[in-house]
Amino acid sequence: LEAFARQRTALVQYEDRHGVVTQREIELHFLYYNLPVWYALAWDLLRDDIRSFRIDRIRDVLVLPTKFRLRPPDPFFAAGEATARAI
């Protein structure tokens, strides 16, 4: 929440659906709820692309001092699930 609210990059340990844990540096742009799971829609600096992360699969978070600027929202909306809506 701190990384999202303060526009700071975050270093996360993320476990994918196969149980593989990776370390990612991300810019959190959107949070959305798709019953029954919360997601972070983020710019993944390792992949240089938009990725979604299930909040319940994030194992650890370190908020970094690096600030980021919000990127244009349309690519994020296109990458999100069809049921996700801006609030």
Protein backbone atom coordinates (compact mmCIF):
# COMPACT_ATOMS: atom_id res chain seq x y z
CA LEU A 1 0.00 0.00 0.00
CA GLU A 2 2.85 2.41 0.80
CA ALA A 3 4.54 1.78 -2.57
CA PHE A 4 1.21 2.28 -4.36
CA ALA A 5 0.18 5.43 -2.49
CA ARG A 6 3.62 7.11 -2.60
CA GLN A 7 4.53 6.01 -6.15
CA ARG A 8 7.66 4.19 -5.05
CA THR A 9 9.06 1.11 -6.74
CA ALA A 10 8.74 -2.11 -4.80
CA LEU A 11 10.94 -5.18 -4.73
CA VAL A 12 8.64 -8.19 -4.38
CA GLN A 13 9.11 -11.89 -3.92
CA TYR A 14 6.32 -13.38 -6.04
CA GLU A 15 5.15 -16.98 -6.19
CA ASP A 16 3.52 -17.94 -9.49
CA ARG A 17 0.73 -20.51 -9.90
CA HIS A 18 3.35 -23.28 -10.24
CA GLY A 19 5.03 -22.39 -6.94
CA VAL A 20 8.09 -20.78 -8.54
CA VAL A 21 9.28 -17.72 -6.59
CA THR A 22 10.90 -14.82 -8.44
CA GLN A 23 12.13 -11.42 -7.34
CA ARG A 24 10.62 -8.52 -9.29
CA GLU A 25 11.01 -4.75 -9.12
CA ILE A 26 7.66 -3.21 -9.94
CA GLU A 27 5.79 0.07 -10.17
CA LEU A 28 2.30 -0.45 -8.75
CA HIS A 29 -0.17 1.46 -10.90
CA PHE A 30 -3.56 -0.10 -10.13
CA LEU A 31 -5.14 -2.34 -7.53
CA TYR A 32 -8.29 -4.23 -8.42
CA TYR A 33 -10.57 -6.81 -6.93
CA ASN A 34 -11.87 -9.73 -8.97
CA LEU A 35 -13.81 -11.96 -6.62
CA PRO A 36 -12.33 -13.50 -4.58
CA VAL A 37 -8.82 -12.11 -5.22
CA TRP A 38 -7.09 -8.72 -5.13
CA TYR A 39 -4.57 -7.98 -7.90
CA ALA A 40 -1.80 -5.42 -8.42
CA LEU A 41 -1.50 -4.23 -11.99
CA ALA A 42 2.08 -3.05 -12.32
CA TRP A 43 4.93 -2.13 -14.62
CA ASP A 44 7.49 -4.93 -14.24
CA LEU A 45 10.96 -3.43 -14.62
CA LEU A 46 12.54 -6.85 -15.26
CA ARG A 47 10.13 -7.70 -18.09
CA ASP A 48 9.80 -4.06 -19.25
CA ASP A 49 6.06 -4.62 -19.58
CA ILE A 50 2.75 -4.66 -17.73
CA ARG A 51 2.10 -7.60 -15.44
CA SER A 52 -0.62 -8.50 -12.95
CA PHE A 53 0.26 -9.96 -9.57
CA ARG A 54 -2.16 -11.71 -7.24
CA ILE A 55 -1.78 -10.01 -3.87
CA ASP A 56 -2.02 -13.34 -2.02
CA ARG A 57 1.01 -14.63 -3.96
CA ILE A 58 3.30 -11.77 -3.00
CA ARG A 59 5.52 -13.30 -0.30
CA ASP A 60 7.58 -10.26 0.65
CA VAL A 61 7.69 -6.54 -0.21
CA LEU A 62 10.46 -4.01 0.19
CA VAL A 63 9.49 -0.43 -0.64
CA LEU A 64 12.42 1.22 -2.41
CA PRO A 65 13.30 4.92 -2.30
CA THR A 66 13.00 5.21 -6.09
CA LYS A 67 9.96 7.23 -7.18
CA PHE A 68 8.14 6.63 -10.44
CA ARG A 69 5.69 8.61 -12.56
CA LEU A 70 2.38 7.11 -13.50
CA ARG A 71 2.35 5.74 -17.02
CA PRO A 72 -0.63 6.27 -19.38
CA PRO A 73 -3.57 4.20 -18.08
CA ASP A 74 -4.99 2.78 -21.33
CA PRO A 75 -2.37 0.01 -21.77
CA PHE A 76 -3.02 -1.07 -18.17
CA PHE A 77 -6.78 -1.17 -18.74
CA ALA A 78 -6.22 -3.24 -21.87
CA ALA A 79 -3.94 -5.65 -19.97
CA GLY A 80 -6.31 -6.02 -17.01
CA GLU A 81 -9.17 -8.42 -16.87
CA ALA A 82 -12.29 -7.40 -18.77
CA THR A 83 -14.27 -7.20 -15.55
CA ALA A 84 -11.86 -4.70 -13.93
CA ARG A 85 -13.19 -1.14 -13.92
CA ALA A 86 -11.61 2.13 -12.84
CA ILE A 87 -13.08 3.57 -9.66
